Amino acid sequence: MMEWEVVIGLEIHAQLATKTKIFSGAATQYGAEPNTQACAVDLGLPGVLPVLNKEAVRMAAKFGLAIGATVAERSVFARKNYFYPDLPKGYQISQFELPVVACGHLDIELEDGSTKRIGVTRAHLEEDAGKSLHEDFHGATGIDLNRAGTPLLEIVSEPDLRSAKEAVAYMKKIHSLVRYLEICDGNMQEGSFRCDANVSVMPKGSDTFGTRAEIKNLNSFRFVERAIEFEIERQIDLIEEGGKVVQETRLYDADKGETRSMRAKEEANDYRYFPDPDLLPLEIEPSFIEAVRATLPELPDAKKARFMEQYGLSAYDAGVLTASREMGDFYESLVEQAGGEAKQCANWMMGDLAASLNKENLEITESPVSAAMLAGMIKRILDNTISGKIAKDVFAAMWAGEGDADAVIEAKGLKQITDTGAIETLIDEILAANPEQVAAYRGGKDKLFGFFVGQAMKASKGKANPAQLNELLKAKLDG
């Protein structure tokens, strides 16, 4: 069988976090009643004129600078003409030949730990269309135009991706970046961050790309991976059976786990692009670009490298803890308040805290356990007030809203037993109650040591200091 190489490019649509739309003063708030946030400009009514939102331009420039791209000092808005019920004007204002951002790049980490650079062809500003609603209309379609005119930044990659996993890694990197920059909330369920995937296959070693199919409106990382993997297999099977891949737009059916044809793929000339006569060319002063550059935060890759150097974290741990700006801020606050216990803090964040957040589908900013509360608990582990095992019970109680660590420890009587005399008395009672096991241990059955530890911890209700208990128990058994 012939070996195949996969070629993938992503077009990611990030909804910019402006309070108003890109060409009007209408609100962009999510969840409003249908058709209550579409004004005369969004509807393209006669006599109205679009006015460009400066904040959308600032956010686009911020993204361009963050990916090392050129922010164009002159770009042009164009009309992309097509008919669809949720496109009230009959055209979409976008950018075509002269985008605001061009020629950037992003580095992704592959599964083997190596790094691969993905080119970003362009990022251009455009307005979103409305939304067609098919549920609850009994054979009809409802149109909600609240999204019409919402500002989007369309981020177009080079066809540098060679697998579904690479595509997901790149999409996650963009997702993290736009949130770090605070230009998009990244909420996929609300449609704030979605992508189209262009997929083709070619014989391994070929320098000619195959015919591509575009999979539209993928709004989760899992769907992106599954849709691309299905499409790769579909195209290879089709070619090997003597067929030909046609250039088309396809939709991903998540229930069936497959893509299906939607329409023939349009070319640029099908949209009859031409410069929008109602909008002057966008001209950006160098001083504006430099002012935006001054607002750039520490970016994810730089923060990851710093966490590895400053806190001695592994590349994996640092990557997890810098996945979002809020996660990194929480970690740094935690380390500072816990007295610099970097690894212990990382373990608790990536363990119990992450598991609890995932279970309840919460963001780190919504955690019932604050950095200060978690730091207070870690301090009690370090000063031997509680053991690591007891700490899990303390954490669960804090998560349930029972107060901070000290309050929980006091209310539940969880303070660790560190009194040597009390532990020795406990051990003596365990040894006296199990003479046969003592004789067997002293006869060479070393594995019985764990039995005695278990009995002692059970008798102390888990409160005996593990290190002291082990040391004293060994001394008595060996004696």
Protein backbone atom coordinates (compact mmCIF):
# COMPACT_ATOMS: atom_id res chain seq x y z
CA MET A 1 0.00 0.00 0.00
CA MET A 2 1.15 3.54 -0.73
CA GLU A 3 2.28 5.65 2.21
CA TRP A 4 0.53 8.97 2.65
CA GLU A 5 1.43 12.33 4.12
CA VAL A 6 -1.21 14.54 5.68
CA VAL A 7 -1.36 18.30 5.13
CA ILE A 8 -3.50 20.44 7.44
CA GLY A 9 -4.11 24.15 7.79
CA LEU A 10 -6.42 25.74 10.35
CA GLU A 11 -8.53 28.88 10.13
CA ILE A 12 -9.32 29.87 13.69
CA HIS A 13 -12.04 32.41 14.47
CA ALA A 14 -11.49 34.20 17.78
CA GLN A 15 -14.27 36.52 18.92
CA LEU A 16 -12.64 39.68 20.21
CA ALA A 17 -13.56 40.69 23.75
CA THR A 18 -14.87 44.15 22.91
CA LYS A 19 -17.99 45.49 24.61
CA THR A 20 -19.48 46.64 21.31
CA LYS A 21 -19.49 45.35 17.74
CA ILE A 22 -16.83 45.98 15.15
CA PHE A 23 -18.76 48.55 13.10
CA SER A 24 -21.54 49.67 15.47
CA GLY A 25 -22.28 50.53 19.09
CA ALA A 26 -24.51 47.47 19.64
CA ALA A 27 -23.61 45.25 22.59
CA THR A 28 -21.83 41.92 22.21
CA GLN A 29 -23.01 40.37 25.48
CA TYR A 30 -23.71 36.65 25.22
CA GLY A 31 -27.10 35.18 26.06
CA ALA A 32 -29.40 38.12 25.27
CA GLU A 33 -32.87 37.51 23.94
CA PRO A 34 -32.77 36.84 20.15
CA ASN A 35 -32.55 39.91 17.93
CA THR A 36 -32.21 42.41 20.80
CA GLN A 37 -28.57 43.28 20.07
CA ALA A 38 -28.68 43.96 16.33
CA CYS A 39 -28.90 47.62 15.39
CA ALA A 40 -29.55 49.34 12.04
CA VAL A 41 -25.83 49.19 11.14
CA ASP A 42 -25.63 45.44 11.79
CA LEU A 43 -28.71 44.93 9.64
CA GLY A 44 -27.34 47.08 6.81
CA LEU A 45 -30.44 49.24 6.62
CA PRO A 46 -30.44 52.05 4.01
CA GLY A 47 -28.60 55.22 5.00
CA VAL A 48 -26.40 53.76 7.77
CA LEU A 49 -22.60 53.71 7.71
CA PRO A 50 -20.14 51.44 9.55
CA VAL A 51 -17.61 53.00 11.97
CA LEU A 52 -14.57 50.88 12.88
CA ASN A 53 -14.10 49.91 16.54
CA LYS A 54 -10.61 51.07 17.58
CA GLU A 55 -10.45 48.52 20.40
CA ALA A 56 -10.81 45.67 17.88
CA VAL A 57 -7.84 47.09 15.96
CA ARG A 58 -5.79 47.30 19.18
CA MET A 59 -6.55 43.66 19.98
CA ALA A 60 -5.60 42.51 16.48
CA ALA A 61 -2.32 44.40 16.71
CA LYS A 62 -1.64 42.89 20.14
CA PHE A 63 -2.07 39.40 18.70
CA GLY A 64 0.18 40.19 15.74
CA LEU A 65 2.99 41.42 17.99
CA ALA A 66 2.68 38.35 20.22
CA ILE A 67 3.30 35.96 17.29
CA GLY A 68 6.17 37.97 15.83
CA ALA A 69 4.10 39.05 12.82
CA THR A 70 4.02 42.26 10.83
CA VAL A 71 1.25 44.62 11.88
CA ALA A 72 0.35 46.41 8.66
CA GLU A 73 0.44 50.19 8.76
CA ARG A 74 -2.16 50.09 5.99
CA SER A 75 -4.86 47.46 5.50
CA VAL A 76 -8.16 47.40 3.65
CA PHE A 77 -11.66 46.16 4.44
CA ALA A 78 -13.52 44.31 1.71
CA ARG A 79 -17.01 43.02 1.10
CA LYS A 80 -17.33 39.25 0.87
CA ASN A 81 -20.57 38.71 -1.03
CA TYR A 82 -22.78 35.68 -0.50
CA PHE A 83 -26.39 34.96 0.36
CA TYR A 84 -27.42 33.24 3.54
CA PRO A 85 -30.47 33.90 5.74
CA ASP A 86 -28.38 34.89 8.78
CA LEU A 87 -26.32 37.41 6.76
CA PRO A 88 -28.69 40.40 6.70
CA LYS A 89 -26.62 42.66 4.41
CA GLY A 90 -25.98 40.03 1.78
CA TYR A 91 -22.25 40.52 2.34
CA GLN A 92 -19.75 40.21 5.17
CA ILE A 93 -17.19 42.94 5.86
CA SER A 94 -13.81 41.24 6.07
CA GLN A 95 -10.22 41.75 4.86
CA PHE A 96 -8.86 40.04 1.78
CA GLU A 97 -5.76 41.22 -0.06
CA LEU A 98 -4.36 43.48 2.68
CA PRO A 99 -4.92 42.01 6.18
CA VAL A 100 -3.98 43.83 9.39
CA VAL A 101 -1.57 41.05 10.51
CA ALA A 102 0.70 38.95 8.29
CA CYS A 103 3.64 36.52 8.42
CA GLY A 104 3.84 35.37 12.04
CA HIS A 105 4.63 32.06 13.70
CA LEU A 106 3.93 29.93 16.74
CA ASP A 107 5.96 27.07 18.23
CA ILE A 108 4.14 23.93 19.34
CA GLU A 109 5.45 21.03 21.39
CA LEU A 110 5.12 17.58 19.84
CA GLU A 111 4.45 14.32 21.69
CA ASP A 112 8.15 13.38 21.66
CA GLY A 113 9.04 16.65 23.42
CA SER A 114 10.47 18.34 20.33
CA THR A 115 9.31 21.74 19.11
CA LYS A 116 7.87 22.57 15.71
CA ARG A 117 7.34 26.03 14.26
CA ILE A 118 3.98 26.65 12.58
CA GLY A 119 3.65 29.62 10.25
CA VAL A 120 0.71 32.00 10.62
CA THR A 121 -0.08 33.34 7.16
CA ARG A 122 -2.35 36.14 8.31
CA ALA A 123 -4.85 37.33 10.89
CA HIS A 124 -7.58 39.61 9.64
CA LEU A 125 -10.50 41.47 11.15
CA GLU A 126 -14.05 40.70 10.09
CA GLU A 127 -17.62 40.76 11.33
CA ASP A 128 -19.51 37.65 12.35
CA ALA A 129 -22.81 36.60 10.78
CA GLY A 130 -26.02 35.86 12.68
CA LYS A 131 -27.10 32.41 13.77
CA SER A 132 -29.66 30.00 12.31
CA LEU A 133 -31.74 28.16 14.93
CA HIS A 134 -33.25 24.85 13.90
CA GLU A 135 -34.66 23.58 17.19
CA ASP A 136 -38.20 24.27 18.41
CA PHE A 137 -39.41 25.69 15.08
CA HIS A 138 -41.24 22.60 13.78
CA GLY A 139 -39.79 22.37 10.29
CA ALA A 140 -38.85 26.05 10.07
CA THR A 141 -35.62 27.90 10.87
CA GLY A 142 -35.33 30.84 13.26
CA ILE A 143 -32.78 33.61 12.68
CA ASP A 144 -31.03 35.34 15.60
CA LEU A 145 -29.00 38.35 14.45
CA ASN A 146 -27.45 39.18 17.83
CA ARG A 147 -24.05 37.91 16.63
CA ALA A 148 -24.21 39.88 13.37
CA GLY A 149 -21.39 42.42 13.44
CA THR A 150 -19.54 40.81 16.37
CA PRO A 151 -15.78 41.37 15.86
CA LEU A 152 -13.75 38.33 14.85
CA LEU A 153 -10.05 37.83 14.31
CA GLU A 154 -9.59 35.08 11.73
CA ILE A 155 -6.19 33.46 12.23
CA VAL A 156 -5.00 31.47 9.20
CA SER A 157 -2.11 29.03 9.55
CA GLU A 158 0.29 27.88 6.87
CA PRO A 159 -0.34 24.26 5.77
CA ASP A 160 2.43 23.16 8.15
CA LEU A 161 0.47 20.72 10.32
CA ARG A 162 0.99 17.04 9.59
CA SER A 163 -1.39 15.22 11.95
CA ALA A 164 -4.59 15.69 13.91
CA LYS A 165 -2.58 15.84 17.14
CA GLU A 166 -0.39 18.63 15.75
CA ALA A 167 -3.52 20.52 14.74
CA VAL A 168 -4.93 20.20 18.27
CA ALA A 169 -1.62 21.29 19.82
CA TYR A 170 -1.55 24.37 17.58
CA MET A 171 -5.20 25.22 18.29
CA LYS A 172 -4.62 24.87 22.06
CA LYS A 173 -1.59 27.14 21.78
CA ILE A 174 -3.62 29.83 20.00
CA HIS A 175 -6.42 29.36 22.55
CA SER A 176 -3.99 29.88 25.43
CA LEU A 177 -2.38 32.88 23.75
CA VAL A 178 -5.58 34.84 23.04
CA ARG A 179 -6.63 34.34 26.66
CA TYR A 180 -3.21 35.45 27.94
CA LEU A 181 -3.55 38.57 25.80
CA GLU A 182 -7.11 39.08 27.14
CA ILE A 183 -8.43 39.65 23.63
CA CYS A 184 -10.79 36.63 23.60
CA ASP A 185 -12.43 34.66 26.40
CA GLY A 186 -11.90 31.41 24.46
CA ASN A 187 -15.34 30.06 25.37
CA MET A 188 -15.98 27.33 22.80
CA GLN A 189 -19.48 26.48 24.02
CA GLU A 190 -20.57 30.06 23.37
CA GLY A 191 -18.88 30.13 19.95
CA SER A 192 -16.16 32.59 20.97
CA PHE A 193 -13.42 30.30 19.68
CA ARG A 194 -13.91 27.88 16.78
CA CYS A 195 -12.06 26.73 13.70
CA ASP A 196 -12.28 25.39 10.16
CA ALA A 197 -9.80 22.68 9.20
CA ASN A 198 -8.42 22.28 5.66
CA VAL A 199 -7.30 18.68 5.20
CA SER A 200 -5.60 16.93 2.28
CA VAL A 201 -3.35 13.93 1.70
CA MET A 202 -0.50 13.35 -0.75
CA PRO A 203 1.87 10.45 -1.48
CA LYS A 204 4.78 10.45 0.97
CA GLY A 205 7.72 12.34 -0.52
CA SER A 206 5.56 14.32 -2.94
CA ASP A 207 5.91 18.09 -3.14
CA THR A 208 2.43 18.59 -4.61
CA PHE A 209 -0.44 18.98 -2.19
CA GLY A 210 -3.57 16.92 -2.72
CA THR A 211 -7.08 18.34 -3.15
CA ARG A 212 -8.27 19.67 0.17
CA ALA A 213 -11.61 19.51 1.91
CA GLU A 214 -12.61 22.10 4.49
CA ILE A 215 -14.37 20.99 7.70
CA LYS A 216 -16.42 23.90 9.06
CA ASN A 217 -17.21 25.18 12.54
CA LEU A 218 -15.36 22.83 14.88
CA ASN A 219 -15.87 24.07 18.41
CA SER A 220 -13.95 21.66 20.65
CA PHE A 221 -10.45 20.22 20.67
CA ARG A 222 -11.86 16.70 20.74
CA PHE A 223 -14.03 17.34 17.69
CA VAL A 224 -11.08 18.86 15.81
CA GLU A 225 -9.00 15.72 16.38
CA ARG A 226 -11.81 13.28 15.55
CA ALA A 227 -13.00 15.17 12.48
CA ILE A 228 -9.50 15.43 11.00
CA GLU A 229 -8.72 11.77 11.69
CA PHE A 230 -11.95 10.68 10.01
CA GLU A 231 -11.33 12.96 7.04
CA ILE A 232 -7.78 11.65 6.57
CA GLU A 233 -9.03 8.07 6.51
CA ARG A 234 -11.91 8.97 4.18
CA GLN A 235 -9.63 10.63 1.64
CA ILE A 236 -7.04 7.84 1.66
CA ASP A 237 -9.71 5.14 1.25
CA LEU A 238 -11.33 7.12 -1.57
CA ILE A 239 -8.07 7.52 -3.51
CA GLU A 240 -6.95 3.91 -2.98
CA GLU A 241 -10.29 2.70 -4.30
CA GLY A 242 -9.75 4.67 -7.53
CA GLY A 243 -11.83 7.74 -6.67
CA LYS A 244 -10.88 11.40 -6.45
CA VAL A 245 -11.14 13.87 -3.60
CA VAL A 246 -13.25 16.88 -4.59
CA GLN A 247 -12.70 20.33 -3.17
CA GLU A 248 -15.68 20.93 -0.93
CA THR A 249 -16.91 22.15 2.43
CA ARG A 250 -17.86 19.43 4.89
CA LEU A 251 -19.53 19.33 8.30
CA TYR A 252 -18.56 17.10 11.21
CA ASP A 253 -21.37 15.01 12.72
CA ALA A 254 -20.27 14.45 16.33
CA ASP A 255 -22.97 11.84 16.97
CA LYS A 256 -21.86 9.66 14.06
CA GLY A 257 -18.17 10.59 14.29
CA GLU A 258 -17.95 11.38 10.58
CA THR A 259 -17.78 14.28 8.15
CA ARG A 260 -20.39 14.80 5.44
CA SER A 261 -20.57 16.99 2.37
CA MET A 262 -22.14 20.42 2.82
CA ARG A 263 -21.44 22.28 -0.43
CA ALA A 264 -18.84 22.69 -3.17
CA LYS A 265 -15.86 24.66 -1.89
CA GLU A 266 -15.98 28.27 -2.98
CA GLU A 267 -12.97 30.10 -4.35
CA ALA A 268 -12.21 33.75 -3.60
CA ASN A 269 -13.70 34.88 -6.91
CA ASP A 270 -17.00 33.22 -5.98
CA TYR A 271 -17.35 35.80 -3.23
CA ARG A 272 -16.69 38.75 -5.59
CA TYR A 273 -14.46 40.52 -3.05
CA PHE A 274 -14.06 44.26 -3.55
CA PRO A 275 -12.94 47.08 -1.21
CA ASP A 276 -15.78 48.29 0.99
CA PRO A 277 -16.75 51.74 -0.30
CA ASP A 278 -18.08 52.78 3.11
CA LEU A 279 -14.79 52.23 4.94
CA LEU A 280 -11.52 54.06 4.41
CA PRO A 281 -8.30 52.02 4.41
CA LEU A 282 -7.18 51.28 7.97
CA GLU A 283 -3.99 53.24 8.67
CA ILE A 284 -2.10 52.48 11.88
CA GLU A 285 0.57 54.86 13.15
CA PRO A 286 3.88 53.32 14.35
CA SER A 287 3.31 55.05 17.70
CA PHE A 288 0.04 53.12 18.10
CA ILE A 289 1.82 49.82 17.46
CA GLU A 290 4.53 50.66 20.01
CA ALA A 291 1.91 51.64 22.57
CA VAL A 292 0.26 48.25 22.08
CA ARG A 293 3.64 46.48 22.34
CA ALA A 294 4.13 48.08 25.76
CA THR A 295 0.96 46.35 27.01
CA LEU A 296 2.06 42.82 26.11
CA PRO A 297 2.06 40.50 29.15
CA GLU A 298 4.61 37.79 29.82
CA LEU A 299 3.68 35.25 27.13
CA PRO A 300 3.11 31.51 27.79
CA ASP A 301 6.45 30.24 26.43
CA ALA A 302 8.42 32.84 28.38
CA LYS A 303 6.46 32.11 31.56
CA LYS A 304 6.99 28.37 31.16
CA ALA A 305 10.76 28.85 30.78
CA ARG A 306 10.84 31.11 33.84
CA PHE A 307 8.86 28.63 35.96
CA MET A 308 11.34 25.90 35.05
CA GLU A 309 14.31 28.06 35.98
CA GLN A 310 12.88 29.92 38.98
CA TYR A 311 10.93 27.10 40.60
CA GLY A 312 12.85 24.04 39.38
CA LEU A 313 9.77 22.55 37.71
CA SER A 314 9.85 19.96 34.95
CA ALA A 315 8.84 21.03 31.44
CA TYR A 316 5.56 19.11 31.86
CA ASP A 317 4.67 20.70 35.23
CA ALA A 318 5.59 24.18 34.00
CA GLY A 319 3.49 23.64 30.87
CA VAL A 320 0.42 22.65 32.88
CA LEU A 321 0.81 25.54 35.32
CA THR A 322 1.16 28.13 32.56
CA ALA A 323 -1.66 26.77 30.39
CA SER A 324 -3.67 29.84 31.29
CA ARG A 325 -2.71 33.23 32.65
CA GLU A 326 -5.00 32.70 35.66
CA MET A 327 -3.40 29.32 36.44
CA GLY A 328 0.08 30.86 36.42
CA ASP A 329 -1.02 33.74 38.65
CA PHE A 330 -2.64 31.32 41.13
CA TYR A 331 0.53 29.22 41.29
CA GLU A 332 2.85 32.17 41.88
CA SER A 333 0.57 33.52 44.59
CA LEU A 334 0.44 30.07 46.20
CA VAL A 335 4.23 29.63 46.22
CA GLU A 336 4.74 33.08 47.71
CA GLN A 337 2.22 32.50 50.51
CA ALA A 338 3.39 28.93 51.21
CA GLY A 339 6.96 30.06 51.82
CA GLY A 340 8.50 29.06 48.51
CA GLU A 341 7.52 25.37 48.52
CA ALA A 342 7.41 25.26 44.72
CA LYS A 343 7.18 21.49 44.13
CA GLN A 344 4.69 20.87 46.94
CA CYS A 345 2.51 23.69 45.58
CA ALA A 346 2.71 22.28 42.05
CA ASN A 347 1.71 18.82 43.27
CA TRP A 348 -1.38 20.09 45.11
CA MET A 349 -2.46 22.28 42.20
CA MET A 350 -2.03 19.53 39.61
CA GLY A 351 -3.47 16.87 41.92
CA ASP A 352 -6.40 17.48 44.26
CA LEU A 353 -7.16 21.03 43.11
CA ALA A 354 -7.16 20.17 39.39
CA ALA A 355 -9.25 17.03 40.00
CA SER A 356 -11.84 18.98 41.99
CA LEU A 357 -12.03 21.72 39.36
CA ASN A 358 -12.44 19.18 36.56
CA LYS A 359 -15.11 17.26 38.46
CA GLU A 360 -17.25 20.37 38.86
CA ASN A 361 -16.24 21.91 35.52
CA LEU A 362 -14.87 25.06 37.16
CA GLU A 363 -12.16 27.48 36.08
CA ILE A 364 -9.29 28.22 38.47
CA THR A 365 -10.81 31.66 39.07
CA GLU A 366 -13.97 29.94 40.39
CA SER A 367 -12.15 27.69 42.88
CA PRO A 368 -13.76 27.59 46.35
CA VAL A 369 -10.24 27.03 47.72
CA SER A 370 -8.20 30.20 47.24
CA ALA A 371 -4.41 30.36 46.93
CA ALA A 372 -4.26 31.72 50.50
CA MET A 373 -6.33 28.80 51.85
CA LEU A 374 -4.26 26.18 50.02
CA ALA A 375 -1.03 27.86 51.18
CA GLY A 376 -2.29 27.76 54.78
CA MET A 377 -2.88 24.01 54.48
CA ILE A 378 0.55 23.38 52.96
CA LYS A 379 2.15 25.26 55.88
CA ARG A 380 0.43 22.87 58.30
CA ILE A 381 1.92 19.91 56.42
CA LEU A 382 5.37 21.48 56.62
CA ASP A 383 5.19 22.20 60.36
CA ASN A 384 3.92 18.65 61.01
CA THR A 385 0.54 19.78 62.32
CA ILE A 386 -1.03 17.39 59.81
CA SER A 387 0.27 14.62 57.56
CA GLY A 388 -0.07 14.54 53.81
CA LYS A 389 -2.83 11.95 54.16
CA ILE A 390 -4.80 14.04 56.65
CA ALA A 391 -4.29 17.04 54.36
CA LYS A 392 -6.52 15.39 51.77
CA ASP A 393 -9.37 15.38 54.28
CA VAL A 394 -8.61 19.00 55.15
CA PHE A 395 -8.65 19.97 51.47
CA ALA A 396 -11.99 18.23 50.93
CA ALA A 397 -13.48 20.10 53.90
CA MET A 398 -12.13 23.44 52.63
CA TRP A 399 -13.59 22.71 49.20
CA ALA A 400 -16.95 22.01 50.86
CA GLY A 401 -16.87 25.46 52.45
CA GLU A 402 -16.02 24.46 56.01
CA GLY A 403 -13.40 27.20 56.47
CA ASP A 404 -9.65 27.52 56.13
CA ALA A 405 -7.13 24.82 57.10
CA ASP A 406 -6.72 25.89 60.73
CA ALA A 407 -10.48 26.03 61.26
CA VAL A 408 -10.97 22.57 59.75
CA ILE A 409 -8.09 21.01 61.70
CA GLU A 410 -9.45 22.45 64.96
CA ALA A 411 -13.11 21.57 64.30
CA LYS A 412 -12.39 17.99 63.26
CA GLY A 413 -9.55 17.32 65.71
CA LEU A 414 -7.14 16.40 62.93
CA LYS A 415 -3.92 17.60 64.53
CA GLN A 416 -1.13 15.10 64.01
CA ILE A 417 0.30 13.16 66.99
CA THR A 418 3.97 14.10 67.28
CA ASP A 419 4.49 13.30 70.96
CA THR A 420 7.13 10.55 71.08
CA GLY A 421 5.82 9.05 74.29
CA ALA A 422 2.27 8.77 72.94
CA ILE A 423 3.48 7.08 69.76
CA GLU A 424 5.67 4.63 71.73
CA THR A 425 2.70 3.67 73.93
CA LEU A 426 0.66 3.06 70.77
CA ILE A 427 3.39 0.86 69.31
CA ASP A 428 3.76 -1.15 72.52
CA GLU A 429 0.04 -1.92 72.47
CA ILE A 430 0.19 -3.05 68.81
CA LEU A 431 3.20 -5.33 69.44
CA ALA A 432 1.62 -6.81 72.55
CA ALA A 433 -1.57 -7.60 70.65
CA ASN A 434 0.27 -9.34 67.79
CA PRO A 435 3.00 -11.60 69.27
CA GLU A 436 2.93 -14.10 66.39
CA GLN A 437 3.56 -11.37 63.79
CA VAL A 438 6.36 -9.92 65.96
CA ALA A 439 8.05 -13.33 66.12
CA ALA A 440 7.64 -13.82 62.37
CA TYR A 441 9.11 -10.39 61.64
CA ARG A 442 12.09 -11.04 63.87
CA GLY A 443 12.44 -14.40 62.14
CA GLY A 444 13.10 -12.65 58.81
CA LYS A 445 9.68 -11.74 57.39
CA ASP A 446 10.52 -8.07 56.83
CA LYS A 447 7.36 -7.42 54.79
CA LEU A 448 5.33 -7.57 57.99
CA PHE A 449 6.65 -4.10 58.83
CA GLY A 450 3.87 -2.65 56.67
CA PHE A 451 1.32 -4.60 58.70
CA PHE A 452 2.49 -2.97 61.93
CA VAL A 453 2.51 0.49 60.36
CA GLY A 454 -1.06 -0.05 59.13
CA GLN A 455 -2.23 -1.22 62.57
CA ALA A 456 -0.60 1.74 64.29
CA MET A 457 -2.06 4.27 61.85
CA LYS A 458 -5.48 2.68 62.23
CA ALA A 459 -5.24 2.88 66.01
CA SER A 460 -4.22 6.55 65.84
CA LYS A 461 -6.98 7.28 63.28
CA GLY A 462 -4.28 8.37 60.84
CA LYS A 463 -2.95 11.06 63.15
CA ALA A 464 0.44 9.60 64.08
CA ASN A 465 3.35 11.35 62.42
CA PRO A 466 4.40 8.81 59.73
CA ALA A 467 8.13 9.54 59.91
CA GLN A 468 8.25 9.29 63.71
CA LEU A 469 6.07 6.21 63.74
CA ASN A 470 8.29 4.38 61.24
CA GLU A 471 11.47 5.27 63.10
CA LEU A 472 10.18 4.28 66.55
CA LEU A 473 8.47 1.11 65.28
CA LYS A 474 11.64 -0.08 63.55
CA ALA A 475 13.69 0.54 66.66
CA LYS A 476 11.30 -1.46 68.84
CA LEU A 477 10.94 -4.37 66.40
CA ASP A 478 14.68 -4.61 65.84
CA GLY A 479 15.30 -4.31 69.57
